[in-house]
Amino acid sequence: MALVVQKFGGTSVGSIDRIRNVARRAIAAQRAGHRVVLVVSAMSGETNRLLGLAHEVTTVPDAREMDVLAEPASK
């Protein structure tokens, strides 16, 4: 039994149908006998929206907080 990590974000979770597809893929991996870890990041457009809100709160947002909002999916 392998440990399978699946990470999805952006357009892959941008609609209900796409979220269901992600769930089907995770379930298929589990049914194939794997232990599954599913990581879901922000939906399409949400990171940009959050970054915009941060700039509305303060003209110079804290760099560390901005890094958390904009962390790339590959990390």
PDB file of N, CA and C in Angstrom:
ATOM      1  N   MET A   1       0.851  -1.172   0.000  1.00  0.00           N
ATOM      2  CA  MET A   1       0.000   0.000   0.000  1.00  0.00           C
ATOM      3  C   MET A   1       0.898   1.237   0.000  1.00  0.00           C
ATOM      4  N   ALA A   2       0.769   2.052  -1.013  1.00  0.00           N
ATOM      5  CA  ALA A   2       1.562   3.270  -1.139  1.00  0.00           C
ATOM      6  C   ALA A   2       0.822   4.442  -0.518  1.00  0.00           C
ATOM      7  N   LEU A   3       1.601   5.416  -0.076  1.00  0.00           N
ATOM      8  CA  LEU A   3       1.025   6.682   0.366  1.00  0.00           C
ATOM      9  C   LEU A   3       1.010   7.599  -0.844  1.00  0.00           C
ATOM     10  N   VAL A   4      -0.172   8.059  -1.219  1.00  0.00           N
ATOM     11  CA  VAL A   4      -0.344   8.926  -2.381  1.00  0.00           C
ATOM     12  C   VAL A   4      -0.776  10.292  -1.888  1.00  0.00           C
ATOM     13  N   VAL A   5      -0.029  11.325  -2.286  1.00  0.00           N
ATOM     14  CA  VAL A   5      -0.390  12.695  -1.933  1.00  0.00           C
ATOM     15  C   VAL A   5      -0.876  13.374  -3.206  1.00  0.00           C
ATOM     16  N   GLN A   6      -2.085  13.891  -3.156  1.00  0.00           N
ATOM     17  CA  GLN A   6      -2.659  14.594  -4.293  1.00  0.00           C
ATOM     18  C   GLN A   6      -2.962  16.020  -3.856  1.00  0.00           C
ATOM     19  N   LYS A   7      -2.467  16.996  -4.634  1.00  0.00           N
ATOM     20  CA  LYS A   7      -2.723  18.398  -4.308  1.00  0.00           C
ATOM     21  C   LYS A   7      -3.435  19.060  -5.478  1.00  0.00           C
ATOM     22  N   PHE A   8      -4.486  19.774  -5.149  1.00  0.00           N
ATOM     23  CA  PHE A   8      -5.284  20.452  -6.164  1.00  0.00           C
ATOM     24  C   PHE A   8      -5.542  21.885  -5.727  1.00  0.00           C
ATOM     25  N   GLY A   9      -5.610  22.764  -6.687  1.00  0.00           N
ATOM     26  CA  GLY A   9      -5.934  24.158  -6.416  1.00  0.00           C
ATOM     27  C   GLY A   9      -6.243  24.858  -7.724  1.00  0.00           C
ATOM     28  N   GLY A  10      -6.525  26.142  -7.633  1.00  0.00           N
ATOM     29  CA  GLY A  10      -6.784  26.938  -8.826  1.00  0.00           C
ATOM     30  C   GLY A  10      -7.994  26.458  -9.586  1.00  0.00           C
ATOM     31  N   THR A  11      -7.843  26.318 -10.906  1.00  0.00           N
ATOM     32  CA  THR A  11      -8.980  25.934 -11.736  1.00  0.00           C
ATOM     33  C   THR A  11      -9.423  24.500 -11.495  1.00  0.00           C
ATOM     34  N   SER A  12      -8.545  23.647 -10.933  1.00  0.00           N
ATOM     35  CA  SER A  12      -8.953  22.258 -10.692  1.00  0.00           C
ATOM     36  C   SER A  12      -9.983  22.141  -9.576  1.00  0.00           C
ATOM     37  N   VAL A  13     -10.180  23.199  -8.790  1.00  0.00           N
ATOM     38  CA  VAL A  13     -11.233  23.233  -7.773  1.00  0.00           C
ATOM     39  C   VAL A  13     -12.107  24.480  -7.953  1.00  0.00           C
ATOM     40  N   GLY A  14     -12.180  24.961  -9.178  1.00  0.00           N
ATOM     41  CA  GLY A  14     -12.870  26.213  -9.470  1.00  0.00           C
ATOM     42  C   GLY A  14     -14.375  26.128  -9.628  1.00  0.00           C
ATOM     43  N   SER A  15     -14.929  24.924  -9.589  1.00  0.00           N
ATOM     44  CA  SER A  15     -16.383  24.764  -9.694  1.00  0.00           C
ATOM     45  C   SER A  15     -16.787  23.494  -8.945  1.00  0.00           C
ATOM     46  N   ILE A  16     -18.072  23.351  -8.707  1.00  0.00           N
ATOM     47  CA  ILE A  16     -18.569  22.156  -8.017  1.00  0.00           C
ATOM     48  C   ILE A  16     -18.223  20.901  -8.809  1.00  0.00           C
ATOM     49  N   ASP A  17     -18.395  20.936 -10.127  1.00  0.00           N
ATOM     50  CA  ASP A  17     -18.073  19.761 -10.941  1.00  0.00           C
ATOM     51  C   ASP A  17     -16.594  19.397 -10.847  1.00  0.00           C
ATOM     52  N   ARG A  18     -15.736  20.393 -10.832  1.00  0.00           N
ATOM     53  CA  ARG A  18     -14.296  20.123 -10.730  1.00  0.00           C
ATOM     54  C   ARG A  18     -13.935  19.602  -9.344  1.00  0.00           C
ATOM     55  N   ILE A  19     -14.586  20.113  -8.315  1.00  0.00           N
ATOM     56  CA  ILE A  19     -14.347  19.603  -6.953  1.00  0.00           C
ATOM     57  C   ILE A  19     -14.785  18.142  -6.877  1.00  0.00           C
ATOM     58  N   ARG A  20     -15.905  17.826  -7.494  1.00  0.00           N
ATOM     59  CA  ARG A  20     -16.363  16.426  -7.517  1.00  0.00           C
ATOM     60  C   ARG A  20     -15.362  15.533  -8.248  1.00  0.00           C
ATOM     61  N   ASN A  21     -14.770  16.046  -9.322  1.00  0.00           N
ATOM     62  CA  ASN A  21     -13.757  15.286 -10.058  1.00  0.00           C
ATOM     63  C   ASN A  21     -12.541  15.008  -9.173  1.00  0.00           C
ATOM     64  N   VAL A  22     -12.121  16.011  -8.417  1.00  0.00           N
ATOM     65  CA  VAL A  22     -11.011  15.824  -7.476  1.00  0.00           C
ATOM     66  C   VAL A  22     -11.363  14.733  -6.469  1.00  0.00           C
ATOM     67  N   ALA A  23     -12.569  14.782  -5.950  1.00  0.00           N
ATOM     68  CA  ALA A  23     -13.006  13.772  -4.981  1.00  0.00           C
ATOM     69  C   ALA A  23     -13.013  12.381  -5.613  1.00  0.00           C
ATOM     70  N   ARG A  24     -13.482  12.276  -6.854  1.00  0.00           N
ATOM     71  CA  ARG A  24     -13.496  10.973  -7.540  1.00  0.00           C
ATOM     72  C   ARG A  24     -12.081  10.418  -7.697  1.00  0.00           C
ATOM     73  N   ARG A  25     -11.140  11.291  -8.010  1.00  0.00           N
ATOM     74  CA  ARG A  25      -9.745  10.843  -8.174  1.00  0.00           C
ATOM     75  C   ARG A  25      -9.167  10.346  -6.857  1.00  0.00           C
ATOM     76  N   ALA A  26      -9.461  11.057  -5.776  1.00  0.00           N
ATOM     77  CA  ALA A  26      -8.968  10.633  -4.465  1.00  0.00           C
ATOM     78  C   ALA A  26      -9.594   9.302  -4.060  1.00  0.00           C
ATOM     79  N   ILE A  27     -10.889   9.159  -4.289  1.00  0.00           N
ATOM     80  CA  ILE A  27     -11.592   7.917  -3.952  1.00  0.00           C
ATOM     81  C   ILE A  27     -11.055   6.758  -4.788  1.00  0.00           C
ATOM     82  N   ALA A  28     -10.791   7.011  -6.066  1.00  0.00           N
ATOM     83  CA  ALA A  28     -10.248   5.955  -6.933  1.00  0.00           C
ATOM     84  C   ALA A  28      -8.890   5.482  -6.430  1.00  0.00           C
ATOM     85  N   ALA A  29      -8.052   6.402  -6.001  1.00  0.00           N
ATOM     86  CA  ALA A  29      -6.738   6.022  -5.464  1.00  0.00           C
ATOM     87  C   ALA A  29      -6.894   5.210  -4.182  1.00  0.00           C
ATOM     88  N   GLN A  30      -7.838   5.602  -3.346  1.00  0.00           N
ATOM     89  CA  GLN A  30      -8.088   4.865  -2.107  1.00  0.00           C
ATOM     90  C   GLN A  30      -8.615   3.468  -2.411  1.00  0.00           C
ATOM     91  N   ARG A  31      -9.539   3.363  -3.322  1.00  0.00           N
ATOM     92  CA  ARG A  31     -10.107   2.061  -3.695  1.00  0.00           C
ATOM     93  C   ARG A  31      -9.068   1.155  -4.345  1.00  0.00           C
ATOM     94  N   ALA A  32      -8.033   1.770  -4.930  1.00  0.00           N
ATOM     95  CA  ALA A  32      -6.937   0.996  -5.522  1.00  0.00           C
ATOM     96  C   ALA A  32      -5.996   0.465  -4.443  1.00  0.00           C
ATOM     97  N   GLY A  33      -6.292   0.793  -3.187  1.00  0.00           N
ATOM     98  CA  GLY A  33      -5.516   0.263  -2.079  1.00  0.00           C
ATOM     99  C   GLY A  33      -4.479   1.204  -1.504  1.00  0.00           C
ATOM    100  N   HIS A  34      -4.465   2.439  -1.945  1.00  0.00           N
ATOM    101  CA  HIS A  34      -3.479   3.404  -1.457  1.00  0.00           C
ATOM    102  C   HIS A  34      -4.010   4.183  -0.262  1.00  0.00           C
ATOM    103  N   ARG A  35      -3.087   4.619   0.569  1.00  0.00           N
ATOM    104  CA  ARG A  35      -3.440   5.597   1.603  1.00  0.00           C
ATOM    105  C   ARG A  35      -3.341   6.956   0.913  1.00  0.00           C
ATOM    106  N   VAL A  36      -4.354   7.787   1.067  1.00  0.00           N
ATOM    107  CA  VAL A  36      -4.433   9.036   0.303  1.00  0.00           C
ATOM    108  C   VAL A  36      -4.417  10.240   1.230  1.00  0.00           C
ATOM    109  N   VAL A  37      -3.571  11.190   0.888  1.00  0.00           N
ATOM    110  CA  VAL A  37      -3.580  12.506   1.524  1.00  0.00           C
ATOM    111  C   VAL A  37      -4.006  13.482   0.442  1.00  0.00           C
ATOM    112  N   LEU A  38      -5.078  14.203   0.696  1.00  0.00           N
ATOM    113  CA  LEU A  38      -5.605  15.156  -0.274  1.00  0.00           C
ATOM    114  C   LEU A  38      -5.385  16.566   0.267  1.00  0.00           C
ATOM    115  N   VAL A  39      -4.670  17.367  -0.495  1.00  0.00           N
ATOM    116  CA  VAL A  39      -4.382  18.746  -0.114  1.00  0.00           C
ATOM    117  C   VAL A  39      -5.096  19.649  -1.112  1.00  0.00           C
ATOM    118  N   VAL A  40      -5.907  20.557  -0.598  1.00  0.00           N
ATOM    119  CA  VAL A  40      -6.662  21.452  -1.475  1.00  0.00           C
ATOM    120  C   VAL A  40      -6.286  22.885  -1.143  1.00  0.00           C
ATOM    121  N   SER A  41      -5.811  23.604  -2.145  1.00  0.00           N
ATOM    122  CA  SER A  41      -5.476  25.012  -1.935  1.00  0.00           C
ATOM    123  C   SER A  41      -6.574  25.879  -2.537  1.00  0.00           C
ATOM    124  N   ALA A  42      -6.327  27.150  -2.629  1.00  0.00           N
ATOM    125  CA  ALA A  42      -7.347  28.132  -3.021  1.00  0.00           C
ATOM    126  C   ALA A  42      -7.965  27.851  -4.388  1.00  0.00           C
ATOM    127  N   MET A  43      -9.250  28.123  -4.459  1.00  0.00           N
ATOM    128  CA  MET A  43      -9.969  28.009  -5.723  1.00  0.00           C
ATOM    129  C   MET A  43      -9.496  29.097  -6.684  1.00  0.00           C
ATOM    130  N   SER A  44      -9.812  28.902  -7.920  1.00  0.00           N
ATOM    131  CA  SER A  44      -9.420  29.842  -8.968  1.00  0.00           C
ATOM    132  C   SER A  44      -9.808  31.281  -8.609  1.00  0.00           C
ATOM    133  N   GLY A  45      -8.835  32.180  -8.642  1.00  0.00           N
ATOM    134  CA  GLY A  45      -9.076  33.596  -8.381  1.00  0.00           C
ATOM    135  C   GLY A  45      -9.011  34.004  -6.922  1.00  0.00           C
ATOM    136  N   GLU A  46      -9.059  33.058  -6.003  1.00  0.00           N
ATOM    137  CA  GLU A  46      -9.105  33.396  -4.582  1.00  0.00           C
ATOM    138  C   GLU A  46      -7.795  33.985  -4.069  1.00  0.00           C
ATOM    139  N   THR A  47      -6.661  33.484  -4.527  1.00  0.00           N
ATOM    140  CA  THR A  47      -5.383  34.038  -4.071  1.00  0.00           C
ATOM    141  C   THR A  47      -5.284  35.502  -4.448  1.00  0.00           C
ATOM    142  N   ASN A  48      -5.641  35.832  -5.683  1.00  0.00           N
ATOM    143  CA  ASN A  48      -5.598  37.237  -6.120  1.00  0.00           C
ATOM    144  C   ASN A  48      -6.565  38.090  -5.311  1.00  0.00           C
ATOM    145  N   ARG A  49      -7.736  37.551  -5.003  1.00  0.00           N
ATOM    146  CA  ARG A  49      -8.717  38.288  -4.197  1.00  0.00           C
ATOM    147  C   ARG A  49      -8.150  38.551  -2.801  1.00  0.00           C
ATOM    148  N   LEU A  50      -7.527  37.539  -2.194  1.00  0.00           N
ATOM    149  CA  LEU A  50      -6.958  37.709  -0.858  1.00  0.00           C
ATOM    150  C   LEU A  50      -5.806  38.713  -0.858  1.00  0.00           C
ATOM    151  N   LEU A  51      -4.976  38.678  -1.888  1.00  0.00           N
ATOM    152  CA  LEU A  51      -3.877  39.649  -1.987  1.00  0.00           C
ATOM    153  C   LEU A  51      -4.431  41.070  -2.123  1.00  0.00           C
ATOM    154  N   GLY A  52      -5.488  41.221  -2.898  1.00  0.00           N
ATOM    155  CA  GLY A  52      -6.128  42.526  -3.042  1.00  0.00           C
ATOM    156  C   GLY A  52      -6.695  43.031  -1.728  1.00  0.00           C
ATOM    157  N   LEU A  53      -7.331  42.130  -0.976  1.00  0.00           N
ATOM    158  CA  LEU A  53      -7.867  42.515   0.331  1.00  0.00           C
ATOM    159  C   LEU A  53      -6.753  42.935   1.284  1.00  0.00           C
ATOM    160  N   ALA A  54      -5.634  42.247   1.228  1.00  0.00           N
ATOM    161  CA  ALA A  54      -4.501  42.604   2.094  1.00  0.00           C
ATOM    162  C   ALA A  54      -4.037  44.026   1.797  1.00  0.00           C
ATOM    163  N   HIS A  55      -4.028  44.398   0.527  1.00  0.00           N
ATOM    164  CA  HIS A  55      -3.604  45.758   0.156  1.00  0.00           C
ATOM    165  C   HIS A  55      -4.670  46.799   0.498  1.00  0.00           C
ATOM    166  N   GLU A  56      -5.916  46.376   0.655  1.00  0.00           N
ATOM    167  CA  GLU A  56      -6.948  47.305   1.100  1.00  0.00           C
ATOM    168  C   GLU A  56      -6.825  47.595   2.586  1.00  0.00           C
ATOM    169  N   VAL A  57      -6.362  46.613   3.336  1.00  0.00           N
ATOM    170  CA  VAL A  57      -6.216  46.770   4.789  1.00  0.00           C
ATOM    171  C   VAL A  57      -5.058  47.701   5.109  1.00  0.00           C
ATOM    172  N   THR A  58      -3.963  47.550   4.392  1.00  0.00           N
ATOM    173  CA  THR A  58      -2.793  48.394   4.617  1.00  0.00           C
ATOM    174  C   THR A  58      -2.049  48.569   3.298  1.00  0.00           C
ATOM    175  N   THR A  59      -1.455  49.726   3.108  1.00  0.00           N
ATOM    176  CA  THR A  59      -0.755  49.981   1.845  1.00  0.00           C
ATOM    177  C   THR A  59       0.507  49.139   1.714  1.00  0.00           C
ATOM    178  N   VAL A  60       1.117  48.763   2.848  1.00  0.00           N
ATOM    179  CA  VAL A  60       2.315  47.924   2.820  1.00  0.00           C
ATOM    180  C   VAL A  60       2.080  46.710   3.723  1.00  0.00           C
ATOM    181  N   PRO A  61       1.462  45.655   3.172  1.00  0.00           N
ATOM    182  CA  PRO A  61       1.199  44.463   3.985  1.00  0.00           C
ATOM    183  C   PRO A  61       2.497  43.812   4.450  1.00  0.00           C
ATOM    184  N   ASP A  62       2.431  43.148   5.589  1.00  0.00           N
ATOM    185  CA  ASP A  62       3.569  42.428   6.134  1.00  0.00           C
ATOM    186  C   ASP A  62       4.036  41.362   5.136  1.00  0.00           C
ATOM    187  N   ALA A  63       5.327  41.339   4.851  1.00  0.00           N
ATOM    188  CA  ALA A  63       5.877  40.420   3.854  1.00  0.00           C
ATOM    189  C   ALA A  63       5.616  38.955   4.219  1.00  0.00           C
ATOM    190  N   ARG A  64       5.746  38.635   5.483  1.00  0.00           N
ATOM    191  CA  ARG A  64       5.525  37.249   5.914  1.00  0.00           C
ATOM    192  C   ARG A  64       4.070  36.825   5.675  1.00  0.00           C
ATOM    193  N   GLU A  65       3.144  37.709   5.978  1.00  0.00           N
ATOM    194  CA  GLU A  65       1.732  37.398   5.756  1.00  0.00           C
ATOM    195  C   GLU A  65       1.419  37.271   4.260  1.00  0.00           C
ATOM    196  N   MET A  66       2.034  38.108   3.453  1.00  0.00           N
ATOM    197  CA  MET A  66       1.841  38.021   2.002  1.00  0.00           C
ATOM    198  C   MET A  66       2.397  36.694   1.473  1.00  0.00           C
ATOM    199  N   ASP A  67       3.528  36.253   2.008  1.00  0.00           N
ATOM    200  CA  ASP A  67       4.087  34.959   1.601  1.00  0.00           C
ATOM    201  C   ASP A  67       3.121  33.817   1.887  1.00  0.00           C
ATOM    202  N   VAL A  68       2.434  33.880   3.007  1.00  0.00           N
ATOM    203  CA  VAL A  68       1.474  32.831   3.359  1.00  0.00           C
ATOM    204  C   VAL A  68       0.312  32.833   2.371  1.00  0.00           C
ATOM    205  N   LEU A  69      -0.152  34.010   1.997  1.00  0.00           N
ATOM    206  CA  LEU A  69      -1.276  34.102   1.056  1.00  0.00           C
ATOM    207  C   LEU A  69      -0.904  33.609  -0.342  1.00  0.00           C
ATOM    208  N   ALA A  70       0.319  33.890  -0.749  1.00  0.00           N
ATOM    209  CA  ALA A  70       0.724  33.617  -2.132  1.00  0.00           C
ATOM    210  C   ALA A  70       1.661  32.421  -2.268  1.00  0.00           C
ATOM    211  N   GLU A  71       1.690  31.559  -1.259  1.00  0.00           N
ATOM    212  CA  GLU A  71       2.588  30.394  -1.315  1.00  0.00           C
ATOM    213  C   GLU A  71       2.270  29.559  -2.551  1.00  0.00           C
ATOM    214  N   PRO A  72       3.296  29.275  -3.347  1.00  0.00           N
ATOM    215  CA  PRO A  72       3.062  28.485  -4.570  1.00  0.00           C
ATOM    216  C   PRO A  72       2.593  27.076  -4.254  1.00  0.00           C
ATOM    217  N   ALA A  73       1.823  26.505  -5.155  1.00  0.00           N
ATOM    218  CA  ALA A  73       1.285  25.157  -4.959  1.00  0.00           C
ATOM    219  C   ALA A  73       2.382  24.106  -4.914  1.00  0.00           C
ATOM    220  N   SER A  74       3.563  24.399  -5.447  1.00  0.00           N
ATOM    221  CA  SER A  74       4.621  23.387  -5.491  1.00  0.00           C
ATOM    222  C   SER A  74       5.332  23.201  -4.172  1.00  0.00           C
ATOM    223  N   LYS A  75       5.077  24.054  -3.178  1.00  0.00           N
ATOM    224  CA  LYS A  75       5.752  23.914  -1.879  1.00  0.00           C
ATOM    225  C   LYS A  75       5.146  22.819  -1.070  1.00  0.00           C
TER     226      LYS A  75
END
